[in-house]
Amino acid sequence: MTGPGRPAAAAPLPDRQVALIDLLDRLLAGGVVLTGDVVLSIADIDLVRVSLRALIVSVSPENPSPFEHSGPPARRS
């Protein structure tokens, strides 16, 4: 509860449960960029450095796939 002695920012947030699928849907709708660096070193000497970057986004009619054949192969009768 807020009052004259407590600012509104210090008020506790209500407990909300969010389903994992809803969280993933919101993240993928806007896109997610994952980045990371891996460095292998011995005695403080860098031997191997790998930089990882990945863009993950959902495919929809509004945001089509950039690849021509992105679905499963078509069946032939």
PDB file of N, CA and C in Angstrom:
ATOM      1  N   MET A   1       0.855  -1.165   0.000  1.00  0.00           N
ATOM      2  CA  MET A   1       0.000   0.000   0.000  1.00  0.00           C
ATOM      3  C   MET A   1       0.901   1.228   0.000  1.00  0.00           C
ATOM      4  N   THR A   2       0.538   2.237  -0.787  1.00  0.00           N
ATOM      5  CA  THR A   2       1.310   3.475  -0.804  1.00  0.00           C
ATOM      6  C   THR A   2       0.716   4.452   0.185  1.00  0.00           C
ATOM      7  N   GLY A   3       1.524   5.307   0.687  1.00  0.00           N
ATOM      8  CA  GLY A   3       1.079   6.308   1.641  1.00  0.00           C
ATOM      9  C   GLY A   3       2.036   7.484   1.605  1.00  0.00           C
ATOM     10  N   PRO A   4       1.876   8.422   2.533  1.00  0.00           N
ATOM     11  CA  PRO A   4       2.753   9.583   2.515  1.00  0.00           C
ATOM     12  C   PRO A   4       4.211   9.235   2.766  1.00  0.00           C
ATOM     13  N   GLY A   5       4.493   8.146   3.471  1.00  0.00           N
ATOM     14  CA  GLY A   5       5.867   7.764   3.766  1.00  0.00           C
ATOM     15  C   GLY A   5       6.488   6.837   2.731  1.00  0.00           C
ATOM     16  N   ARG A   6       5.660   6.232   1.847  1.00  0.00           N
ATOM     17  CA  ARG A   6       6.163   5.278   0.864  1.00  0.00           C
ATOM     18  C   ARG A   6       5.881   5.786  -0.534  1.00  0.00           C
ATOM     19  N   PRO A   7       6.900   5.889  -1.381  1.00  0.00           N
ATOM     20  CA  PRO A   7       6.652   6.270  -2.764  1.00  0.00           C
ATOM     21  C   PRO A   7       5.973   5.132  -3.522  1.00  0.00           C
ATOM     22  N   ALA A   8       5.329   5.473  -4.627  1.00  0.00           N
ATOM     23  CA  ALA A   8       4.595   4.479  -5.409  1.00  0.00           C
ATOM     24  C   ALA A   8       5.526   3.423  -5.984  1.00  0.00           C
ATOM     25  N   ALA A   9       6.782   3.769  -6.272  1.00  0.00           N
ATOM     26  CA  ALA A   9       7.718   2.817  -6.856  1.00  0.00           C
ATOM     27  C   ALA A   9       8.081   1.712  -5.870  1.00  0.00           C
ATOM     28  N   ALA A  10       7.955   1.951  -4.580  1.00  0.00           N
ATOM     29  CA  ALA A  10       8.307   0.948  -3.583  1.00  0.00           C
ATOM     30  C   ALA A  10       7.157  -0.016  -3.306  1.00  0.00           C
ATOM     31  N   ALA A  11       5.996   0.217  -3.894  1.00  0.00           N
ATOM     32  CA  ALA A  11       4.850  -0.655  -3.669  1.00  0.00           C
ATOM     33  C   ALA A  11       5.129  -2.019  -4.297  1.00  0.00           C
ATOM     34  N   PRO A  12       4.782  -3.109  -3.605  1.00  0.00           N
ATOM     35  CA  PRO A  12       5.026  -4.434  -4.173  1.00  0.00           C
ATOM     36  C   PRO A  12       4.131  -4.681  -5.380  1.00  0.00           C
ATOM     37  N   LEU A  13       4.683  -5.423  -6.329  1.00  0.00           N
ATOM     38  CA  LEU A  13       3.912  -5.772  -7.517  1.00  0.00           C
ATOM     39  C   LEU A  13       2.982  -6.933  -7.188  1.00  0.00           C
ATOM     40  N   PRO A  14       1.817  -6.982  -7.830  1.00  0.00           N
ATOM     41  CA  PRO A  14       0.928  -8.114  -7.585  1.00  0.00           C
ATOM     42  C   PRO A  14       1.548  -9.389  -8.148  1.00  0.00           C
ATOM     43  N   ASP A  15       1.280 -10.509  -7.475  1.00  0.00           N
ATOM     44  CA  ASP A  15       1.782 -11.793  -7.957  1.00  0.00           C
ATOM     45  C   ASP A  15       1.034 -12.167  -9.226  1.00  0.00           C
ATOM     46  N   ARG A  16       1.816 -12.338 -10.313  1.00  0.00           N
ATOM     47  CA  ARG A  16       1.222 -12.736 -11.591  1.00  0.00           C
ATOM     48  C   ARG A  16       1.961 -13.951 -12.100  1.00  0.00           C
ATOM     49  N   GLN A  17       1.227 -14.918 -12.568  1.00  0.00           N
ATOM     50  CA  GLN A  17       1.833 -16.100 -13.168  1.00  0.00           C
ATOM     51  C   GLN A  17       1.676 -15.972 -14.673  1.00  0.00           C
ATOM     52  N   VAL A  18       2.770 -16.187 -15.379  1.00  0.00           N
ATOM     53  CA  VAL A  18       2.770 -16.110 -16.825  1.00  0.00           C
ATOM     54  C   VAL A  18       3.154 -17.483 -17.359  1.00  0.00           C
ATOM     55  N   ALA A  19       2.355 -18.005 -18.262  1.00  0.00           N
ATOM     56  CA  ALA A  19       2.660 -19.301 -18.853  1.00  0.00           C
ATOM     57  C   ALA A  19       3.877 -19.164 -19.761  1.00  0.00           C
ATOM     58  N   LEU A  20       4.684 -20.194 -19.816  1.00  0.00           N
ATOM     59  CA  LEU A  20       5.899 -20.172 -20.624  1.00  0.00           C
ATOM     60  C   LEU A  20       5.570 -19.938 -22.090  1.00  0.00           C
ATOM     61  N   ILE A  21       4.504 -20.519 -22.585  1.00  0.00           N
ATOM     62  CA  ILE A  21       4.132 -20.349 -23.994  1.00  0.00           C
ATOM     63  C   ILE A  21       3.767 -18.899 -24.285  1.00  0.00           C
ATOM     64  N   ASP A  22       3.117 -18.223 -23.339  1.00  0.00           N
ATOM     65  CA  ASP A  22       2.785 -16.807 -23.531  1.00  0.00           C
ATOM     66  C   ASP A  22       4.043 -15.954 -23.548  1.00  0.00           C
ATOM     67  N   LEU A  23       4.986 -16.271 -22.690  1.00  0.00           N
ATOM     68  CA  LEU A  23       6.249 -15.541 -22.660  1.00  0.00           C
ATOM     69  C   LEU A  23       7.016 -15.731 -23.962  1.00  0.00           C
ATOM     70  N   LEU A  24       7.099 -16.970 -24.443  1.00  0.00           N
ATOM     71  CA  LEU A  24       7.782 -17.228 -25.710  1.00  0.00           C
ATOM     72  C   LEU A  24       7.082 -16.544 -26.876  1.00  0.00           C
ATOM     73  N   ASP A  25       5.763 -16.535 -26.864  1.00  0.00           N
ATOM     74  CA  ASP A  25       5.011 -15.886 -27.934  1.00  0.00           C
ATOM     75  C   ASP A  25       5.320 -14.386 -27.985  1.00  0.00           C
ATOM     76  N   ARG A  26       5.356 -13.738 -26.839  1.00  0.00           N
ATOM     77  CA  ARG A  26       5.654 -12.301 -26.803  1.00  0.00           C
ATOM     78  C   ARG A  26       7.085 -12.019 -27.229  1.00  0.00           C
ATOM     79  N   LEU A  27       8.027 -12.870 -26.794  1.00  0.00           N
ATOM     80  CA  LEU A  27       9.422 -12.659 -27.168  1.00  0.00           C
ATOM     81  C   LEU A  27       9.643 -12.862 -28.661  1.00  0.00           C
ATOM     82  N   LEU A  28       9.064 -13.925 -29.214  1.00  0.00           N
ATOM     83  CA  LEU A  28       9.292 -14.232 -30.620  1.00  0.00           C
ATOM     84  C   LEU A  28       8.530 -13.305 -31.555  1.00  0.00           C
ATOM     85  N   ALA A  29       7.456 -12.702 -31.080  1.00  0.00           N
ATOM     86  CA  ALA A  29       6.713 -11.761 -31.921  1.00  0.00           C
ATOM     87  C   ALA A  29       7.579 -10.559 -32.267  1.00  0.00           C
ATOM     88  N   GLY A  30       8.406 -10.127 -31.352  1.00  0.00           N
ATOM     89  CA  GLY A  30       9.283  -8.986 -31.616  1.00  0.00           C
ATOM     90  C   GLY A  30      10.678  -9.402 -32.017  1.00  0.00           C
ATOM     91  N   GLY A  31      11.063 -10.619 -31.729  1.00  0.00           N
ATOM     92  CA  GLY A  31      12.391 -11.105 -32.057  1.00  0.00           C
ATOM     93  C   GLY A  31      13.302 -11.072 -30.845  1.00  0.00           C
ATOM     94  N   VAL A  32      14.232 -11.996 -30.819  1.00  0.00           N
ATOM     95  CA  VAL A  32      15.192 -12.108 -29.731  1.00  0.00           C
ATOM     96  C   VAL A  32      16.576 -12.252 -30.340  1.00  0.00           C
ATOM     97  N   VAL A  33      17.527 -11.518 -29.821  1.00  0.00           N
ATOM     98  CA  VAL A  33      18.913 -11.642 -30.259  1.00  0.00           C
ATOM     99  C   VAL A  33      19.709 -12.262 -29.122  1.00  0.00           C
ATOM    100  N   LEU A  34      20.361 -13.369 -29.417  1.00  0.00           N
ATOM    101  CA  LEU A  34      21.209 -14.041 -28.445  1.00  0.00           C
ATOM    102  C   LEU A  34      22.662 -13.810 -28.837  1.00  0.00           C
ATOM    103  N   THR A  35      23.480 -13.381 -27.900  1.00  0.00           N
ATOM    104  CA  THR A  35      24.895 -13.185 -28.169  1.00  0.00           C
ATOM    105  C   THR A  35      25.713 -13.840 -27.070  1.00  0.00           C
ATOM    106  N   GLY A  36      26.895 -14.244 -27.424  1.00  0.00           N
ATOM    107  CA  GLY A  36      27.770 -14.842 -26.427  1.00  0.00           C
ATOM    108  C   GLY A  36      29.180 -14.946 -26.967  1.00  0.00           C
ATOM    109  N   ASP A  37      30.126 -14.997 -26.075  1.00  0.00           N
ATOM    110  CA  ASP A  37      31.531 -15.156 -26.424  1.00  0.00           C
ATOM    111  C   ASP A  37      32.103 -16.310 -25.625  1.00  0.00           C
ATOM    112  N   VAL A  38      32.884 -17.140 -26.293  1.00  0.00           N
ATOM    113  CA  VAL A  38      33.571 -18.246 -25.647  1.00  0.00           C
ATOM    114  C   VAL A  38      35.058 -18.072 -25.915  1.00  0.00           C
ATOM    115  N   VAL A  39      35.846 -18.090 -24.854  1.00  0.00           N
ATOM    116  CA  VAL A  39      37.294 -17.939 -24.991  1.00  0.00           C
ATOM    117  C   VAL A  39      37.958 -19.112 -24.284  1.00  0.00           C
ATOM    118  N   LEU A  40      38.790 -19.840 -25.035  1.00  0.00           N
ATOM    119  CA  LEU A  40      39.580 -20.916 -24.453  1.00  0.00           C
ATOM    120  C   LEU A  40      40.994 -20.392 -24.255  1.00  0.00           C
ATOM    121  N   SER A  41      41.478 -20.495 -23.015  1.00  0.00           N
ATOM    122  CA  SER A  41      42.820 -19.980 -22.742  1.00  0.00           C
ATOM    123  C   SER A  41      43.548 -20.907 -21.795  1.00  0.00           C
ATOM    124  N   ILE A  42      44.866 -20.851 -21.895  1.00  0.00           N
ATOM    125  CA  ILE A  42      45.737 -21.605 -21.000  1.00  0.00           C
ATOM    126  C   ILE A  42      46.777 -20.625 -20.470  1.00  0.00           C
ATOM    127  N   ALA A  43      46.925 -20.560 -19.179  1.00  0.00           N
ATOM    128  CA  ALA A  43      47.892 -19.680 -18.518  1.00  0.00           C
ATOM    129  C   ALA A  43      47.711 -18.230 -18.957  1.00  0.00           C
ATOM    130  N   ASP A  44      46.469 -17.780 -18.974  1.00  0.00           N
ATOM    131  CA  ASP A  44      46.114 -16.404 -19.356  1.00  0.00           C
ATOM    132  C   ASP A  44      46.512 -16.043 -20.786  1.00  0.00           C
ATOM    133  N   ILE A  45      46.644 -17.039 -21.660  1.00  0.00           N
ATOM    134  CA  ILE A  45      46.910 -16.804 -23.083  1.00  0.00           C
ATOM    135  C   ILE A  45      45.694 -17.304 -23.844  1.00  0.00           C
ATOM    136  N   ASP A  46      45.015 -16.383 -24.538  1.00  0.00           N
ATOM    137  CA  ASP A  46      43.823 -16.745 -25.317  1.00  0.00           C
ATOM    138  C   ASP A  46      44.239 -17.563 -26.531  1.00  0.00           C
ATOM    139  N   LEU A  47      43.689 -18.774 -26.643  1.00  0.00           N
ATOM    140  CA  LEU A  47      44.006 -19.645 -27.769  1.00  0.00           C
ATOM    141  C   LEU A  47      42.902 -19.630 -28.818  1.00  0.00           C
ATOM    142  N   VAL A  48      41.668 -19.676 -28.365  1.00  0.00           N
ATOM    143  CA  VAL A  48      40.525 -19.728 -29.283  1.00  0.00           C
ATOM    144  C   VAL A  48      39.467 -18.773 -28.770  1.00  0.00           C
ATOM    145  N   ARG A  49      38.920 -17.956 -29.677  1.00  0.00           N
ATOM    146  CA  ARG A  49      37.830 -17.057 -29.335  1.00  0.00           C
ATOM    147  C   ARG A  49      36.701 -17.279 -30.349  1.00  0.00           C
ATOM    148  N   VAL A  50      35.517 -17.524 -29.836  1.00  0.00           N
ATOM    149  CA  VAL A  50      34.345 -17.746 -30.685  1.00  0.00           C
ATOM    150  C   VAL A  50      33.271 -16.752 -30.267  1.00  0.00           C
ATOM    151  N   SER A  51      32.776 -15.968 -31.220  1.00  0.00           N
ATOM    152  CA  SER A  51      31.668 -15.039 -30.963  1.00  0.00           C
ATOM    153  C   SER A  51      30.411 -15.622 -31.587  1.00  0.00           C
ATOM    154  N   LEU A  52      29.364 -15.708 -30.788  1.00  0.00           N
ATOM    155  CA  LEU A  52      28.105 -16.288 -31.241  1.00  0.00           C
ATOM    156  C   LEU A  52      27.028 -15.213 -31.265  1.00  0.00           C
ATOM    157  N   ARG A  53      26.289 -15.149 -32.369  1.00  0.00           N
ATOM    158  CA  ARG A  53      25.159 -14.225 -32.471  1.00  0.00           C
ATOM    159  C   ARG A  53      24.040 -14.925 -33.243  1.00  0.00           C
ATOM    160  N   ALA A  54      22.844 -14.885 -32.680  1.00  0.00           N
ATOM    161  CA  ALA A  54      21.696 -15.531 -33.320  1.00  0.00           C
ATOM    162  C   ALA A  54      20.473 -14.638 -33.179  1.00  0.00           C
ATOM    163  N   LEU A  55      19.718 -14.523 -34.265  1.00  0.00           N
ATOM    164  CA  LEU A  55      18.448 -13.809 -34.258  1.00  0.00           C
ATOM    165  C   LEU A  55      17.345 -14.844 -34.351  1.00  0.00           C
ATOM    166  N   ILE A  56      16.439 -14.824 -33.388  1.00  0.00           N
ATOM    167  CA  ILE A  56      15.319 -15.770 -33.373  1.00  0.00           C
ATOM    168  C   ILE A  56      14.039 -14.962 -33.437  1.00  0.00           C
ATOM    169  N   VAL A  57      13.240 -15.244 -34.451  1.00  0.00           N
ATOM    170  CA  VAL A  57      11.986 -14.523 -34.644  1.00  0.00           C
ATOM    171  C   VAL A  57      10.959 -15.489 -35.230  1.00  0.00           C
ATOM    172  N   SER A  58       9.702 -15.275 -34.919  1.00  0.00           N
ATOM    173  CA  SER A  58       8.654 -16.145 -35.448  1.00  0.00           C
ATOM    174  C   SER A  58       8.357 -15.789 -36.900  1.00  0.00           C
ATOM    175  N   VAL A  59       7.860 -16.770 -37.641  1.00  0.00           N
ATOM    176  CA  VAL A  59       7.482 -16.585 -39.034  1.00  0.00           C
ATOM    177  C   VAL A  59       5.964 -16.554 -39.093  1.00  0.00           C
ATOM    178  N   SER A  60       5.427 -15.515 -39.728  1.00  0.00           N
ATOM    179  CA  SER A  60       3.979 -15.359 -39.847  1.00  0.00           C
ATOM    180  C   SER A  60       3.675 -14.734 -41.205  1.00  0.00           C
ATOM    181  N   PRO A  61       2.408 -14.630 -41.570  1.00  0.00           N
ATOM    182  CA  PRO A  61       2.085 -13.976 -42.845  1.00  0.00           C
ATOM    183  C   PRO A  61       2.569 -12.524 -42.896  1.00  0.00           C
ATOM    184  N   GLU A  62       2.580 -11.842 -41.760  1.00  0.00           N
ATOM    185  CA  GLU A  62       3.066 -10.466 -41.735  1.00  0.00           C
ATOM    186  C   GLU A  62       4.584 -10.402 -41.783  1.00  0.00           C
ATOM    187  N   ASN A  63       5.250 -11.464 -41.321  1.00  0.00           N
ATOM    188  CA  ASN A  63       6.713 -11.536 -41.278  1.00  0.00           C
ATOM    189  C   ASN A  63       7.131 -12.852 -41.942  1.00  0.00           C
ATOM    190  N   PRO A  64       7.150 -12.917 -43.292  1.00  0.00           N
ATOM    191  CA  PRO A  64       7.417 -14.186 -43.973  1.00  0.00           C
ATOM    192  C   PRO A  64       8.887 -14.595 -43.857  1.00  0.00           C
ATOM    193  N   SER A  65       9.130 -15.852 -44.129  1.00  0.00           N
ATOM    194  CA  SER A  65      10.488 -16.390 -44.098  1.00  0.00           C
ATOM    195  C   SER A  65      11.293 -15.826 -45.274  1.00  0.00           C
ATOM    196  N   PRO A  66      12.569 -15.513 -45.063  1.00  0.00           N
ATOM    197  CA  PRO A  66      13.380 -15.009 -46.171  1.00  0.00           C
ATOM    198  C   PRO A  66      13.797 -16.103 -47.138  1.00  0.00           C
ATOM    199  N   PHE A  67      13.583 -17.363 -46.789  1.00  0.00           N
ATOM    200  CA  PHE A  67      13.972 -18.473 -47.637  1.00  0.00           C
ATOM    201  C   PHE A  67      12.800 -18.893 -48.515  1.00  0.00           C
ATOM    202  N   GLU A  68      13.109 -19.264 -49.752  1.00  0.00           N
ATOM    203  CA  GLU A  68      12.054 -19.607 -50.705  1.00  0.00           C
ATOM    204  C   GLU A  68      11.300 -20.861 -50.288  1.00  0.00           C
ATOM    205  N   HIS A  69      12.008 -21.899 -49.901  1.00  0.00           N
ATOM    206  CA  HIS A  69      11.380 -23.170 -49.510  1.00  0.00           C
ATOM    207  C   HIS A  69      11.636 -23.403 -48.036  1.00  0.00           C
ATOM    208  N   SER A  70      10.826 -22.807 -47.187  1.00  0.00           N
ATOM    209  CA  SER A  70      11.081 -22.911 -45.753  1.00  0.00           C
ATOM    210  C   SER A  70      10.194 -23.934 -45.058  1.00  0.00           C
ATOM    211  N   GLY A  71       9.283 -24.563 -45.772  1.00  0.00           N
ATOM    212  CA  GLY A  71       8.383 -25.515 -45.139  1.00  0.00           C
ATOM    213  C   GLY A  71       8.775 -26.945 -45.450  1.00  0.00           C
ATOM    214  N   PRO A  72       7.972 -27.882 -44.995  1.00  0.00           N
ATOM    215  CA  PRO A  72       8.254 -29.285 -45.308  1.00  0.00           C
ATOM    216  C   PRO A  72       8.071 -29.526 -46.797  1.00  0.00           C
ATOM    217  N   PRO A  73       8.722 -30.541 -47.348  1.00  0.00           N
ATOM    218  CA  PRO A  73       8.585 -30.800 -48.783  1.00  0.00           C
ATOM    219  C   PRO A  73       7.147 -31.149 -49.146  1.00  0.00           C
ATOM    220  N   ALA A  74       6.735 -30.681 -50.313  1.00  0.00           N
ATOM    221  CA  ALA A  74       5.369 -30.937 -50.786  1.00  0.00           C
ATOM    222  C   ALA A  74       5.236 -32.396 -51.217  1.00  0.00           C
ATOM    223  N   ARG A  75       4.075 -32.971 -50.943  1.00  0.00           N
ATOM    224  CA  ARG A  75       3.830 -34.366 -51.350  1.00  0.00           C
ATOM    225  C   ARG A  75       3.424 -34.420 -52.804  1.00  0.00           C
ATOM    226  N   ARG A  76       3.910 -35.402 -53.473  1.00  0.00           N
ATOM    227  CA  ARG A  76       3.543 -35.610 -54.890  1.00  0.00           C
ATOM    228  C   ARG A  76       2.604 -36.796 -54.978  1.00  0.00           C
ATOM    229  N   SER A  77       1.562 -36.648 -55.742  1.00  0.00           N
ATOM    230  CA  SER A  77       0.574 -37.727 -55.870  1.00  0.00           C
ATOM    231  C   SER A  77       0.914 -38.633 -57.023  1.00  0.00           C
TER     232      SER A  77
END
